[in-house]
Amino acid sequence: MAYARRMRAQAPSLLADNLNAWLRRGDQRRLVRTLRTTGERAVARAFLSDRYRPLDNASLLEAMLPEFGAAGAEVVSCELTDRRLYVKAVTSRLTGEVRAGETVQAGVVLTNSEVGYGSLSVQPLIYTLRCTNGLVLEDLTLRQHHLGRKHADDGEGLQHLISDETRVADDRAFFLRVRDVAKAALSEASFRRQVERLRETARDRVLPSQVERVVELTAQRFHLSEEERGGVLAHLIAGGELSRWGLCSAITRFAQDVGSYDRASDIERIGGKLVELPMTDWQGLASVN
């Protein structure tokens, strides 16, 4: 790697010759995803397997944005990073209280990567109005990995006979499934079930003397860094709600302090994982001697 960096800095044509020589020696087929620039050249975005199935952001948005409007949902946050697209939508038609003064609304999170950094997914979102936190749950999650049959098979089998029209129809059927899952996530029955689960977490208490240790064990379990652990602890103490729900809220509140949208979204999912943690596992975190 040190030599590659040296070539890139001092002799880029030599680096290109090396890379091209090794690429020519291989016999694997690859899918290269590109993005056309304002000039004649295209920029390579990803170097992928020939089984990678493109599910593009534009198709996802075309399928889902009209459904958000029909459900009365508004986009409260969105981002397009180098790796992923995120869309977080919330509806004010479905509200509930976890505790007195803790009002939440139903929402949904769409995530997709066009360049191989994860599956396309749709997940329920619980949105806390007081702190505008987002808690991402695994219930009703739909994931579609970008993996399918090879794009070409040198004439063996029938894959080379499948038309672009058929592929488009197959993708359209999948996006209809995405729409249906999002509708279920925004349904009243699903939301009421989620709110009741959150009320149960508010009854899972944390002893004041064990707050730091519980946060430490939680950070270890969910791979939070030292800085992230300190941020969660500060928000938990400031919030004053010493329960599983309070810890979840502290985690998702800290996500707002994170500069990377990718990492902030990961931390919102950690909050959801803590909600869904089995009672025996929660007791292992909270019942510290």
Protein backbone atom coordinates (compact mmCIF):
# COMPACT_ATOMS: atom_id res chain seq x y z
CA MET A 1 0.00 0.00 0.00
CA ALA A 2 2.87 2.39 0.79
CA TYR A 3 4.29 1.77 -2.68
CA ALA A 4 0.86 2.22 -4.30
CA ARG A 5 0.46 5.58 -2.56
CA ARG A 6 3.93 6.60 -3.71
CA MET A 7 3.06 5.74 -7.32
CA ARG A 8 -0.23 7.63 -7.06
CA ALA A 9 1.59 10.72 -5.83
CA GLN A 10 4.72 10.60 -7.99
CA ALA A 11 3.99 8.37 -11.00
CA PRO A 12 0.24 7.92 -11.56
CA SER A 13 0.75 6.44 -15.04
CA LEU A 14 2.91 3.69 -13.51
CA LEU A 15 0.17 2.91 -11.00
CA ALA A 16 -2.37 2.73 -13.85
CA ASP A 17 -0.09 0.33 -15.77
CA ASN A 18 0.22 -1.91 -12.72
CA LEU A 19 -3.52 -2.00 -12.05
CA ASN A 20 -4.40 -2.66 -15.68
CA ALA A 21 -1.83 -5.46 -15.90
CA TRP A 22 -3.35 -7.27 -12.91
CA LEU A 23 -6.89 -6.73 -14.16
CA ARG A 24 -5.99 -8.29 -17.51
CA ARG A 25 -4.52 -11.35 -15.79
CA GLY A 26 -7.84 -12.19 -14.10
CA ASP A 27 -10.68 -14.08 -15.76
CA GLN A 28 -13.51 -12.86 -13.53
CA ARG A 29 -16.36 -10.78 -14.88
CA ARG A 30 -17.12 -7.60 -12.93
CA LEU A 31 -19.81 -4.94 -12.84
CA VAL A 32 -18.40 -1.42 -12.75
CA ARG A 33 -20.94 1.20 -11.71
CA THR A 34 -20.18 4.59 -13.22
CA LEU A 35 -21.44 8.14 -13.00
CA ARG A 36 -21.27 10.40 -16.02
CA THR A 37 -19.62 13.75 -15.40
CA THR A 38 -20.15 17.00 -17.27
CA GLY A 39 -17.38 16.02 -19.67
CA GLU A 40 -16.98 12.93 -21.81
CA ARG A 41 -15.49 10.74 -19.08
CA ALA A 42 -17.37 8.63 -16.55
CA VAL A 43 -16.24 8.21 -12.96
CA ALA A 44 -16.12 4.65 -11.60
CA ARG A 45 -18.19 4.52 -8.39
CA ALA A 46 -17.90 0.84 -7.52
CA PHE A 47 -16.15 -2.36 -8.65
CA LEU A 48 -18.60 -5.16 -7.97
CA SER A 49 -19.39 -8.81 -8.57
CA ASP A 50 -21.15 -9.84 -11.77
CA ARG A 51 -24.00 -11.04 -9.52
CA TYR A 52 -24.64 -7.54 -8.14
CA ARG A 53 -28.24 -6.48 -8.76
CA PRO A 54 -28.67 -2.72 -9.20
CA LEU A 55 -31.61 -1.31 -7.25
CA ASP A 56 -31.29 2.39 -7.87
CA ASN A 57 -32.16 5.30 -5.60
CA ALA A 58 -34.27 6.97 -8.28
CA SER A 59 -36.51 3.90 -8.62
CA LEU A 60 -36.88 3.66 -4.85
CA LEU A 61 -37.91 7.31 -4.56
CA GLU A 62 -40.30 7.07 -7.50
CA ALA A 63 -42.07 4.20 -5.75
CA MET A 64 -42.12 5.66 -2.23
CA LEU A 65 -42.55 9.44 -2.33
CA PRO A 66 -46.17 9.25 -3.61
CA GLU A 67 -46.92 6.74 -0.83
CA PHE A 68 -45.55 9.12 1.78
CA GLY A 69 -47.90 11.78 0.52
CA ALA A 70 -50.88 9.43 0.64
CA ALA A 71 -50.01 8.44 4.24
CA GLY A 72 -49.62 12.06 5.33
CA ALA A 73 -45.92 11.48 5.99
CA GLU A 74 -43.32 14.20 5.58
CA VAL A 75 -39.59 13.75 5.07
CA VAL A 76 -37.89 15.01 8.25
CA SER A 77 -34.34 14.05 7.29
CA CYS A 78 -32.55 12.78 4.21
CA GLU A 79 -29.01 12.44 2.98
CA LEU A 80 -27.07 11.05 0.05
CA THR A 81 -23.58 10.05 1.18
CA ASP A 82 -20.83 8.45 -0.89
CA ARG A 83 -22.11 5.09 0.31
CA ARG A 84 -25.85 5.29 0.96
CA LEU A 85 -29.14 7.08 0.49
CA TYR A 86 -31.24 7.75 3.61
CA VAL A 87 -34.83 8.99 3.73
CA LYS A 88 -36.64 9.36 7.07
CA ALA A 89 -40.34 10.23 6.92
CA VAL A 90 -42.80 10.78 9.77
CA THR A 91 -46.58 11.11 9.94
CA SER A 92 -48.37 13.31 12.48
CA ARG A 93 -51.52 11.19 12.04
CA LEU A 94 -50.14 8.56 14.42
CA THR A 95 -48.99 9.83 17.82
CA GLY A 96 -48.68 8.29 21.26
CA GLU A 97 -47.09 8.81 24.66
CA VAL A 98 -44.37 6.58 26.09
CA ARG A 99 -44.34 8.60 29.32
CA ALA A 100 -46.05 11.82 30.35
CA GLY A 101 -44.66 14.50 28.05
CA GLU A 102 -42.82 11.96 25.86
CA THR A 103 -44.82 12.08 22.62
CA VAL A 104 -43.73 9.97 19.69
CA GLN A 105 -44.88 9.67 16.09
CA ALA A 106 -44.80 6.86 13.54
CA GLY A 107 -42.28 6.94 10.74
CA VAL A 108 -40.28 4.90 8.29
CA VAL A 109 -36.64 4.83 7.18
CA LEU A 110 -35.51 3.97 3.67
CA THR A 111 -31.88 3.03 3.12
CA ASN A 112 -30.12 1.99 -0.04
CA SER A 113 -26.61 1.66 -1.39
CA GLU A 114 -26.00 1.72 -5.12
CA VAL A 115 -22.32 0.94 -4.64
CA GLY A 116 -22.21 -2.22 -2.54
CA TYR A 117 -22.32 -0.89 1.03
CA GLY A 118 -25.42 -2.72 2.19
CA SER A 119 -28.88 -3.81 1.20
CA LEU A 120 -31.96 -1.82 0.32
CA SER A 121 -34.10 -1.71 3.45
CA VAL A 122 -37.30 -0.20 4.80
CA GLN A 123 -37.68 -0.04 8.60
CA PRO A 124 -40.13 1.44 11.12
CA LEU A 125 -39.05 4.68 12.78
CA ILE A 126 -40.25 6.04 16.12
CA TYR A 127 -39.81 9.81 16.18
CA THR A 128 -39.65 11.60 19.54
CA LEU A 129 -41.05 15.12 19.27
CA ARG A 130 -39.37 16.57 22.36
CA CYS A 131 -35.83 15.90 21.16
CA THR A 132 -36.54 15.06 17.48
CA ASN A 133 -34.77 11.73 17.99
CA GLY A 134 -35.20 8.86 15.58
CA LEU A 135 -35.38 5.29 16.92
CA VAL A 136 -35.07 2.65 14.19
CA LEU A 137 -36.73 -0.70 14.92
CA GLU A 138 -36.31 -4.10 13.30
CA ASP A 139 -40.03 -4.97 13.32
CA LEU A 140 -41.44 -5.32 9.80
CA THR A 141 -38.01 -4.73 8.32
CA LEU A 142 -37.66 -5.59 4.65
CA ARG A 143 -34.18 -6.04 3.24
CA GLN A 144 -33.21 -6.85 -0.31
CA HIS A 145 -29.57 -7.66 -0.87
CA HIS A 146 -28.10 -6.53 -4.15
CA LEU A 147 -27.45 -10.08 -5.24
CA GLY A 148 -28.95 -12.00 -8.10
CA ARG A 149 -27.98 -14.20 -10.98
CA LYS A 150 -24.94 -13.37 -13.04
CA HIS A 151 -25.43 -10.62 -15.58
CA ALA A 152 -24.00 -12.88 -18.26
CA ASP A 153 -23.26 -16.59 -18.38
CA ASP A 154 -21.52 -17.09 -21.74
CA GLY A 155 -24.56 -18.81 -23.19
CA GLU A 156 -24.97 -21.40 -20.47
CA GLY A 157 -28.57 -21.44 -19.27
CA LEU A 158 -31.22 -18.82 -20.01
CA GLN A 159 -29.94 -15.73 -18.22
CA HIS A 160 -28.63 -14.20 -21.45
CA LEU A 161 -32.16 -14.44 -22.91
CA ILE A 162 -33.82 -12.29 -20.23
CA SER A 163 -34.69 -8.89 -21.65
CA ASP A 164 -34.23 -5.50 -20.02
CA GLU A 165 -38.04 -5.20 -20.02
CA THR A 166 -38.29 -8.34 -17.86
CA ARG A 167 -35.64 -7.07 -15.48
CA VAL A 168 -37.48 -3.77 -15.10
CA ALA A 169 -40.74 -5.61 -14.39
CA ASP A 170 -38.99 -7.72 -11.75
CA ASP A 171 -37.64 -4.59 -10.06
CA ARG A 172 -41.07 -2.96 -10.21
CA ALA A 173 -42.60 -5.95 -8.40
CA PHE A 174 -39.95 -5.64 -5.69
CA PHE A 175 -40.61 -1.94 -5.18
CA LEU A 176 -44.31 -2.75 -4.77
CA ARG A 177 -43.27 -4.98 -1.86
CA VAL A 178 -41.26 -2.09 -0.42
CA ARG A 179 -44.35 0.09 -0.65
CA ASP A 180 -46.50 -2.51 1.13
CA VAL A 181 -44.00 -2.90 3.98
CA ALA A 182 -43.82 0.87 4.41
CA LYS A 183 -47.62 1.01 4.57
CA ALA A 184 -47.61 -1.63 7.29
CA ALA A 185 -44.95 0.27 9.23
CA LEU A 186 -47.14 3.37 9.11
CA SER A 187 -50.30 1.53 10.13
CA GLU A 188 -52.04 2.26 13.42
CA ALA A 189 -51.91 -1.36 14.59
CA SER A 190 -48.15 -1.56 14.10
CA PHE A 191 -47.55 1.82 15.75
CA ARG A 192 -49.67 1.02 18.83
CA ARG A 193 -47.77 -2.24 19.27
CA GLN A 194 -44.46 -0.39 19.11
CA VAL A 195 -45.59 2.28 21.60
CA GLU A 196 -46.63 -0.40 24.08
CA ARG A 197 -43.22 -2.01 23.78
CA LEU A 198 -41.58 1.35 24.49
CA ARG A 199 -43.78 1.82 27.56
CA GLU A 200 -42.49 -1.50 28.83
CA THR A 201 -38.88 -0.31 28.44
CA ALA A 202 -39.73 2.72 30.60
CA ARG A 203 -40.45 0.26 33.42
CA ASP A 204 -37.01 -1.38 33.11
CA ARG A 205 -35.16 0.72 35.67
CA VAL A 206 -31.46 1.51 36.02
CA LEU A 207 -30.12 2.08 39.55
CA PRO A 208 -28.44 5.51 39.97
CA SER A 209 -25.33 3.84 41.40
CA GLN A 210 -24.92 1.70 38.28
CA VAL A 211 -25.50 4.23 35.52
CA GLU A 212 -21.89 4.47 34.36
CA ARG A 213 -21.39 0.71 34.38
CA VAL A 214 -24.61 0.06 32.46
CA VAL A 215 -23.55 2.57 29.78
CA GLU A 216 -20.11 0.97 29.65
CA LEU A 217 -21.55 -2.52 29.13
CA THR A 218 -23.98 -1.19 26.53
CA ALA A 219 -21.10 0.46 24.66
CA GLN A 220 -19.19 -2.82 24.69
CA ARG A 221 -22.15 -4.83 23.45
CA PHE A 222 -22.97 -2.47 20.57
CA HIS A 223 -19.43 -1.41 19.72
CA LEU A 224 -19.63 2.25 20.67
CA SER A 225 -16.35 4.14 20.80
CA GLU A 226 -15.05 5.78 23.97
CA GLU A 227 -16.19 9.18 22.71
CA GLU A 228 -19.63 7.82 21.84
CA ARG A 229 -19.94 6.13 25.23
CA GLY A 230 -19.16 9.44 26.97
CA GLY A 231 -21.74 11.28 24.86
CA VAL A 232 -24.46 8.74 25.63
CA LEU A 233 -23.65 8.91 29.36
CA ALA A 234 -23.88 12.71 29.34
CA HIS A 235 -27.29 12.67 27.64
CA LEU A 236 -28.59 9.96 29.96
CA ILE A 237 -27.61 11.95 33.05
CA ALA A 238 -28.97 15.19 31.58
CA GLY A 239 -32.27 13.53 30.68
CA GLY A 240 -32.68 12.11 34.16
CA GLU A 241 -34.75 9.13 32.97
CA LEU A 242 -32.91 6.12 34.43
CA SER A 243 -34.53 3.29 32.53
CA ARG A 244 -34.05 1.29 29.37
CA TRP A 245 -36.19 3.87 27.59
CA GLY A 246 -34.02 6.67 28.98
CA LEU A 247 -30.88 4.91 27.76
CA CYS A 248 -32.42 4.38 24.30
CA SER A 249 -33.33 8.07 24.18
CA ALA A 250 -29.80 9.05 25.23
CA ILE A 251 -28.33 6.90 22.46
CA THR A 252 -30.57 8.33 19.75
CA ARG A 253 -30.12 11.86 21.10
CA PHE A 254 -26.36 11.44 20.87
CA ALA A 255 -26.78 10.43 17.21
CA GLN A 256 -27.61 14.09 16.52
CA ASP A 257 -24.12 15.07 17.73
CA VAL A 258 -22.32 12.78 15.26
CA GLY A 259 -20.83 14.41 12.19
CA SER A 260 -21.15 11.40 9.89
CA TYR A 261 -24.71 10.77 8.70
CA ASP A 262 -23.82 7.11 8.10
CA ARG A 263 -22.62 6.66 11.69
CA ALA A 264 -25.50 8.67 13.13
CA SER A 265 -27.94 6.36 11.38
CA ASP A 266 -26.08 3.32 12.72
CA ILE A 267 -26.43 4.72 16.25
CA GLU A 268 -30.17 5.25 15.77
CA ARG A 269 -30.40 1.55 14.93
CA ILE A 270 -28.48 0.71 18.10
CA GLY A 271 -31.22 2.49 20.04
CA GLY A 272 -33.75 0.21 18.38
CA LYS A 273 -31.68 -2.89 19.12
CA LEU A 274 -31.64 -1.94 22.80
CA VAL A 275 -35.46 -1.72 22.79
CA GLU A 276 -35.69 -5.18 21.23
CA LEU A 277 -33.07 -6.75 23.51
CA PRO A 278 -34.54 -9.82 25.28
CA MET A 279 -35.25 -9.28 28.97
CA THR A 280 -32.56 -11.73 30.07
CA ASP A 281 -29.94 -9.80 28.08
CA TRP A 282 -31.20 -6.47 29.44
CA GLN A 283 -30.95 -7.79 32.97
CA GLY A 284 -27.38 -8.77 32.22
CA LEU A 285 -26.65 -5.13 31.40
CA ALA A 286 -28.69 -3.50 34.14
CA SER A 287 -28.18 -5.89 37.08
CA VAL A 288 -24.53 -5.11 37.71
CA ASN A 289 -22.99 -6.06 41.04
